C-alpha cells in the first residue's frame, strides 16, 4: 500500500512538473505574466494596458510596449450632437469629434482610450474631479473654464454658428437684430451660451432674451422656432442641417454669427497629455488629415478663414 502511494505520488509530481513547464512556455510566448491587468479593465484608471487576456502580443508590438500603454478614461457626450458626435442607426458613435479621437488613439501609441457616455454636465464635473482624463465636445475656451480645466495650445476644429429662423423672416441677419428678441433656452454650460452672455454684457441696454435650461435637444429647439414660440435658435450650422433633414421644418440659417475654435478639456493634472495631443493634432492639420475630415463632416474646410468658409454657403 505504501509502495502504491509512492508510485501515485511520483506520477502526480511528474504531471505537475510537465504542466508547469508547459505553462512557463506559454507565458514566454505571450511576452509577460498572466498577472498583468487586462487592457479593457475600466477600473484600472491611469493604469497600464496588458495583452495577457488576448492570448498573445499584437503583431509588431513588443511586450515592453504593451506594458507601457496607459489607459485614458474619456468622457463622451451621450446627447446626440451631429455632426460632432451621435449614434448612427447601428448604435455606433460617429461624427467629426469621434473620428478625431480615433485618429489620436491610433497615433498616440502610448495611450488607449476608454469611453463613458454621459451627460454634458457630468462630463465637466468628471474631468474637473479627475474621474475622467479629458473630454471633447466642441468646447469653447473662456477664463471661467481655464480656471477649472487645462487647455492645450492647438484647437482641433471649429464651430460655425448660425441663427436659425423661420423661412419667411428677413429681419434677422446678425446678433444685433436679436436685441429684444428671444432665443431658445440654452444650457449655461454650452459654449454658445457664452457668446450670448458676452454680447449681453456689452449691450446691457438692449440684451438678447434667453433663458437657462438644464437639458434641451436640438430637435426641440427647432420645433419651438417653427411654432413661433421663439424668434431664433443659435446653433452650429451643420447641426441644423443634420437635424432638420429629418424634421423637415420650414426653417433657414439666416446668417453666420461666428467661427469659434473648439478644444479638448483636460484635467488640471494632465499637462503631459495635453502636450502630446497638441503635437499630434498639429500633425493632423499640417498633413491635411483634419482639413479633409472637416470637408467630410461639414462640407467645407473650416481651417480656412471665415470669409472663405462663408463663400461655401448662400444665405437667403
Protein backbone atom coordinates (compact mmCIF):
# COMPACT_ATOMS: atom_id res chain seq x y z
CA UNK A 1 0.00 0.00 0.00
CA UNK A 2 2.86 2.30 0.83
CA UNK A 3 4.50 1.39 -2.43
CA UNK A 4 1.36 2.22 -4.38
CA UNK A 5 1.14 5.60 -2.60
CA UNK A 6 4.71 6.47 -3.56
CA UNK A 7 4.13 5.45 -7.16
CA UNK A 8 0.99 7.56 -7.37
CA UNK A 9 2.79 10.47 -5.74
CA UNK A 10 5.65 10.28 -8.25
CA UNK A 11 3.19 10.14 -11.13
CA UNK A 12 1.30 13.17 -9.88
CA UNK A 13 4.57 15.03 -9.29
CA UNK A 14 5.72 14.32 -12.83
CA UNK A 15 2.41 15.50 -14.20
CA UNK A 16 2.60 18.75 -12.21
CA UNK A 17 6.15 19.39 -13.42
CA UNK A 18 5.09 18.74 -17.01
CA UNK A 19 2.14 21.13 -16.76
CA UNK A 20 4.34 23.73 -15.08
CA UNK A 21 6.83 23.55 -17.93
CA UNK A 22 4.03 23.99 -20.46
CA UNK A 23 2.70 26.97 -18.53
CA UNK A 24 6.15 28.59 -18.49
CA UNK A 25 6.49 28.15 -22.20
CA UNK A 26 3.06 29.69 -22.75
CA UNK A 27 3.93 32.76 -20.68
CA UNK A 28 7.17 33.14 -22.57
CA UNK A 29 5.32 33.21 -25.87
CA UNK A 30 2.81 35.76 -24.57
CA UNK A 31 5.60 38.06 -23.53
CA UNK A 32 4.55 38.52 -19.92
CA UNK A 33 2.96 37.19 -16.79
CA UNK A 34 -0.75 36.37 -16.67
CA UNK A 35 -0.95 38.58 -13.55
CA UNK A 36 -0.79 41.74 -15.68
CA UNK A 37 -4.02 43.85 -15.71
CA UNK A 38 -6.33 43.43 -18.68
CA UNK A 39 -6.27 46.15 -21.31
CA UNK A 40 -10.01 46.73 -21.24
CA UNK A 41 -10.43 46.85 -17.48
CA UNK A 42 -12.32 50.11 -16.82
CA UNK A 43 -11.32 50.04 -13.18
CA UNK A 44 -7.61 50.47 -13.93
CA UNK A 45 -7.72 54.27 -14.07
CA UNK A 46 -4.41 55.69 -15.16
CA UNK A 47 -3.01 52.17 -15.21
CA UNK A 48 -1.27 50.22 -17.93
CA UNK A 49 -2.91 48.03 -20.51
CA UNK A 50 -1.72 44.45 -20.97
CA UNK A 51 -2.24 41.86 -23.66
CA UNK A 52 -2.35 39.00 -21.16
CA UNK A 53 -6.04 38.32 -21.85
CA UNK A 54 -5.57 38.39 -25.61
CA UNK A 55 -3.52 35.22 -25.80
CA UNK A 56 -0.50 36.95 -27.31
CA UNK A 57 1.08 40.26 -28.24
CA UNK A 58 -0.21 42.28 -31.17
CA UNK A 59 1.81 41.88 -34.38
CA UNK A 60 4.81 44.18 -34.36
CA UNK A 61 4.36 45.15 -30.70
CA UNK A 62 6.81 44.06 -28.05
CA UNK A 63 5.72 43.08 -24.54
CA UNK A 64 7.50 46.16 -23.16
CA UNK A 65 5.47 48.42 -25.45
CA UNK A 66 2.24 46.79 -24.34
CA UNK A 67 3.11 47.14 -20.67
CA UNK A 68 3.69 50.88 -21.08
CA UNK A 69 0.30 51.67 -22.64
CA UNK A 70 -1.67 53.97 -20.32
CA UNK A 71 -5.45 53.66 -20.22
CA UNK A 72 -7.21 57.03 -20.52
CA UNK A 73 -10.78 57.45 -19.32
CA UNK A 74 -12.70 59.65 -21.72
CA UNK A 75 -15.99 61.47 -21.10
CA UNK A 76 -18.19 61.29 -24.20
CA UNK A 77 -21.44 63.19 -24.77
CA UNK A 78 -24.49 60.90 -24.60
CA UNK A 79 -26.79 63.59 -26.06
CA UNK A 80 -26.80 63.48 -29.89
CA UNK A 81 -24.93 66.46 -31.29
CA UNK A 82 -24.40 65.92 -35.00
CA UNK A 83 -22.17 66.26 -36.88
CA UNK A 84 -19.73 66.22 -33.94
CA UNK A 85 -20.94 63.12 -32.11
CA UNK A 86 -24.05 60.96 -32.24
CA UNK A 87 -25.18 57.35 -32.55
CA UNK A 88 -25.93 56.07 -36.04
CA UNK A 89 -28.67 53.55 -36.88
CA UNK A 90 -26.43 50.74 -35.65
CA UNK A 91 -25.99 52.46 -32.25
CA UNK A 92 -22.35 53.21 -33.06
CA UNK A 93 -20.88 56.60 -32.20
CA UNK A 94 -19.74 58.67 -35.17
CA UNK A 95 -19.05 62.28 -36.14
CA UNK A 96 -16.19 64.75 -36.51
CA UNK A 97 -15.11 64.62 -32.86
CA UNK A 98 -15.48 60.84 -32.75
CA UNK A 99 -13.25 60.44 -35.83
CA UNK A 100 -10.71 62.90 -34.41
CA UNK A 101 -10.42 60.89 -31.20
CA UNK A 102 -9.98 57.68 -33.20
CA UNK A 103 -7.08 59.31 -35.07
CA UNK A 104 -5.49 60.36 -31.79
CA UNK A 105 -5.90 56.89 -30.34
CA UNK A 106 -4.17 55.41 -33.39
CA UNK A 107 -1.22 57.81 -33.39
CA UNK A 108 -0.69 58.02 -29.63
CA UNK A 109 0.65 54.51 -29.23
CA UNK A 110 1.41 55.04 -25.56
CA UNK A 111 -2.29 55.52 -24.73
CA UNK A 112 -5.50 53.55 -25.01
CA UNK A 113 -8.88 55.35 -24.89
CA UNK A 114 -11.86 54.01 -22.94
CA UNK A 115 -15.16 55.88 -23.18
CA UNK A 116 -18.09 56.58 -20.89
CA UNK A 117 -21.15 58.15 -22.49
CA UNK A 118 -22.63 60.64 -20.03
CA UNK A 119 -24.45 63.99 -19.92
CA UNK A 120 -22.77 67.33 -20.70
CA UNK A 121 -22.79 68.44 -17.07
CA UNK A 122 -21.42 65.10 -15.87
CA UNK A 123 -18.60 65.39 -18.42
CA UNK A 124 -17.46 68.71 -16.97
CA UNK A 125 -17.70 67.56 -13.36
CA UNK A 126 -15.94 64.28 -14.15
CA UNK A 127 -12.95 65.98 -15.81
CA UNK A 128 -12.66 68.57 -13.06
CA UNK A 129 -12.64 65.92 -10.29
CA UNK A 130 -10.25 63.62 -12.15
CA UNK A 131 -12.72 60.80 -12.77
CA UNK A 132 -12.02 61.38 -16.47
CA UNK A 133 -8.72 62.39 -18.02
CA UNK A 134 -10.31 64.55 -20.70
CA UNK A 135 -13.47 65.35 -22.63
CA UNK A 136 -14.02 66.51 -26.20
CA UNK A 137 -17.39 68.06 -27.05
CA UNK A 138 -16.50 71.11 -29.20
CA UNK A 139 -15.85 73.15 -26.06
CA UNK A 140 -15.13 76.86 -26.26
CA UNK A 141 -12.36 78.47 -24.27
CA UNK A 142 -13.00 81.18 -21.66
CA UNK A 143 -11.46 82.38 -18.36
CA UNK A 144 -14.03 80.55 -16.25
CA UNK A 145 -13.21 77.23 -17.85
CA UNK A 146 -9.48 77.90 -17.81
CA UNK A 147 -9.75 78.20 -14.02
CA UNK A 148 -11.18 74.67 -13.76
CA UNK A 149 -9.66 72.80 -16.67
CA UNK A 150 -6.45 72.53 -18.63
CA UNK A 151 -6.47 73.56 -22.30
CA UNK A 152 -3.85 72.72 -24.86
CA UNK A 153 -2.40 75.16 -27.39
CA UNK A 154 -3.92 73.64 -30.53
CA UNK A 155 -7.65 73.69 -31.34
CA UNK A 156 -8.84 70.53 -33.09
CA UNK A 157 -11.52 72.18 -35.22
CA UNK A 158 -14.07 74.97 -35.48
CA UNK A 159 -17.73 75.59 -34.91
CA UNK A 160 -19.58 77.72 -37.46
CA UNK A 161 -22.61 79.06 -35.66
CA UNK A 162 -25.74 80.43 -37.28
CA UNK A 163 -29.06 81.96 -36.28
CA UNK A 164 -31.89 79.66 -37.35
CA UNK A 165 -35.23 81.38 -38.08
CA UNK A 166 -38.48 80.74 -39.90
CA UNK A 167 -38.01 80.83 -43.66
CA UNK A 168 -40.36 83.79 -44.14
CA UNK A 169 -38.34 86.09 -41.88
CA UNK A 170 -35.94 88.66 -43.29
CA UNK A 171 -35.48 90.88 -40.23
CA UNK A 172 -32.71 88.83 -38.57
CA UNK A 173 -29.29 88.94 -40.21
CA UNK A 174 -26.97 89.45 -37.19
CA UNK A 175 -26.86 89.25 -33.40
CA UNK A 176 -27.69 92.97 -33.31
CA UNK A 177 -31.02 92.15 -34.94
CA UNK A 178 -31.77 89.86 -31.98
CA UNK A 179 -31.81 92.73 -29.45
CA UNK A 180 -35.09 92.50 -27.54
CA UNK A 181 -35.96 89.23 -29.30
CA UNK A 182 -35.91 85.72 -27.85
CA UNK A 183 -33.51 82.85 -28.39
CA UNK A 184 -34.50 79.30 -27.50
CA UNK A 185 -33.47 78.26 -23.94
CA UNK A 186 -29.82 77.22 -23.61
CA UNK A 187 -27.77 75.12 -21.23
CA UNK A 188 -25.43 77.57 -19.42
CA UNK A 189 -22.57 75.06 -19.74
CA UNK A 190 -22.60 75.35 -23.53
CA UNK A 191 -20.06 77.48 -25.34
CA UNK A 192 -22.79 79.09 -27.43
CA UNK A 193 -24.39 80.46 -24.27
CA UNK A 194 -21.09 82.16 -23.50
CA UNK A 195 -21.29 84.02 -26.82
CA UNK A 196 -24.74 85.33 -25.91
CA UNK A 197 -23.68 86.22 -22.36
CA UNK A 198 -20.68 88.16 -23.67
CA UNK A 199 -22.91 90.01 -26.13
CA UNK A 200 -25.44 90.91 -23.42
CA UNK A 201 -22.66 92.12 -21.14
CA UNK A 202 -21.67 94.62 -23.84
CA UNK A 203 -25.27 95.58 -24.65
CA UNK A 204 -26.95 95.80 -21.26
CA UNK A 205 -29.45 98.36 -22.53
CA UNK A 206 -30.71 96.05 -25.32
CA UNK A 207 -29.93 92.45 -24.38
CA UNK A 208 -30.94 89.30 -26.22
CA UNK A 209 -33.59 87.44 -24.26
CA UNK A 210 -32.62 83.88 -23.40
CA UNK A 211 -33.47 81.52 -20.52
CA UNK A 212 -31.27 78.82 -19.00
CA UNK A 213 -32.34 75.20 -19.13
CA UNK A 214 -30.66 72.01 -17.90
CA UNK A 215 -31.50 69.79 -20.85
CA UNK A 216 -32.81 70.52 -24.32
CA UNK A 217 -32.32 68.79 -27.65
CA UNK A 218 -31.63 70.45 -30.98
CA UNK A 219 -34.88 68.99 -32.33
CA UNK A 220 -36.89 70.60 -29.53
CA UNK A 221 -35.30 74.00 -30.16
CA UNK A 222 -36.02 73.82 -33.89
CA UNK A 223 -39.63 72.88 -33.27
CA UNK A 224 -40.07 75.84 -30.90
CA UNK A 225 -38.81 78.26 -33.54
CA UNK A 226 -41.04 76.67 -36.17
CA UNK A 227 -44.04 77.04 -33.83
CA UNK A 228 -43.24 80.71 -33.27
CA UNK A 229 -42.51 80.36 -29.56
CA UNK A 230 -39.05 81.86 -30.04
CA UNK A 231 -37.51 84.12 -32.66
CA UNK A 232 -34.33 82.15 -33.32
CA UNK A 233 -32.14 79.23 -32.38
CA UNK A 234 -28.36 79.77 -32.18
CA UNK A 235 -26.59 76.58 -33.16
CA UNK A 236 -23.92 75.01 -35.29
CA UNK A 237 -24.89 75.26 -38.95
CA UNK A 238 -24.26 71.61 -39.67
CA UNK A 239 -26.17 70.54 -36.59
CA UNK A 240 -29.16 72.38 -38.04
CA UNK A 241 -28.68 70.75 -41.45
CA UNK A 242 -28.46 67.27 -39.96
CA UNK A 243 -31.40 67.53 -37.55
CA UNK A 244 -33.72 69.38 -39.91
CA UNK A 245 -33.06 66.86 -42.66
CA UNK A 246 -35.25 64.55 -40.58
CA UNK A 247 -37.70 67.11 -39.18
CA UNK A 248 -38.20 68.94 -42.50
CA UNK A 249 -39.34 72.15 -40.81
CA UNK A 250 -39.74 75.40 -42.74
CA UNK A 251 -36.61 76.99 -41.29
CA UNK A 252 -33.39 78.51 -42.62
CA UNK A 253 -29.96 79.66 -41.49
CA UNK A 254 -30.26 83.45 -41.56
CA UNK A 255 -26.60 84.31 -41.05
CA UNK A 256 -23.35 83.10 -39.54
CA UNK A 257 -22.61 84.67 -36.20
CA UNK A 258 -19.11 83.44 -35.53
CA UNK A 259 -16.41 80.87 -36.26
CA UNK A 260 -15.11 79.57 -32.95
CA UNK A 261 -12.16 77.22 -32.28
CA UNK A 262 -13.11 74.08 -30.36
CA UNK A 263 -10.95 72.46 -27.70
CA UNK A 264 -10.35 69.34 -25.67
CA UNK A 265 -10.79 69.86 -21.91
CA UNK A 266 -8.18 68.13 -19.73
CA UNK A 267 -7.98 67.52 -16.03
CA UNK A 268 -5.60 70.05 -14.47
CA UNK A 269 -3.01 67.34 -13.73
CA UNK A 270 -2.72 66.18 -17.36
CA UNK A 271 -0.15 68.67 -18.71
CA UNK A 272 1.93 65.98 -20.43
CA UNK A 273 -1.17 64.51 -22.05
CA UNK A 274 -2.25 67.93 -23.34
CA UNK A 275 1.21 68.45 -24.82
CA UNK A 276 1.04 65.14 -26.70
CA UNK A 277 -2.43 65.99 -28.01
CA UNK A 278 -1.09 69.33 -29.29
CA UNK A 279 1.77 67.62 -31.11
CA UNK A 280 -0.40 65.05 -32.87
CA UNK A 281 -3.25 67.49 -33.60
CA UNK A 282 -0.82 69.86 -35.31
CA UNK A 283 0.49 66.94 -37.38
CA UNK A 284 -3.07 66.04 -38.38
CA UNK A 285 -3.68 69.62 -39.53
CA UNK A 286 -0.37 70.01 -41.35
CA UNK A 287 -0.65 66.73 -43.24
CA UNK A 288 -4.19 67.61 -44.36
CA UNK A 289 -5.97 64.91 -42.36
CA UNK A 290 -8.17 67.20 -40.26
CA UNK A 291 -8.98 69.58 -43.15
CA UNK A 292 -10.20 66.54 -45.13
CA UNK A 293 -12.15 65.33 -42.10
CA UNK A 294 -13.73 68.80 -41.88
CA UNK A 295 -14.81 68.59 -45.52
CA UNK A 296 -16.30 65.16 -44.85
CA UNK A 297 -18.49 66.28 -41.95
CA UNK A 298 -19.10 69.98 -42.67
CA UNK A 299 -18.88 70.24 -46.43
CA UNK A 300 -16.10 72.81 -46.13
CA UNK A 301 -12.56 73.14 -44.84
CA UNK A 302 -13.22 75.05 -41.61
CA UNK A 303 -9.50 75.59 -41.12
CA UNK A 304 -9.74 78.30 -43.78
CA UNK A 305 -10.65 81.90 -42.97
CA UNK A 306 -14.28 82.72 -42.16
CA UNK A 307 -14.61 84.64 -45.45
CA UNK A 308 -13.50 81.57 -47.38
CA UNK A 309 -15.94 79.39 -45.42
CA UNK A 310 -18.77 81.87 -45.98
CA UNK A 311 -18.19 81.64 -49.72
CA UNK A 312 -19.24 77.98 -49.49
CA UNK A 313 -22.78 78.85 -48.39
CA UNK A 314 -25.53 81.07 -49.74
CA UNK A 315 -27.93 82.79 -47.35
CA UNK A 316 -31.45 83.72 -48.37
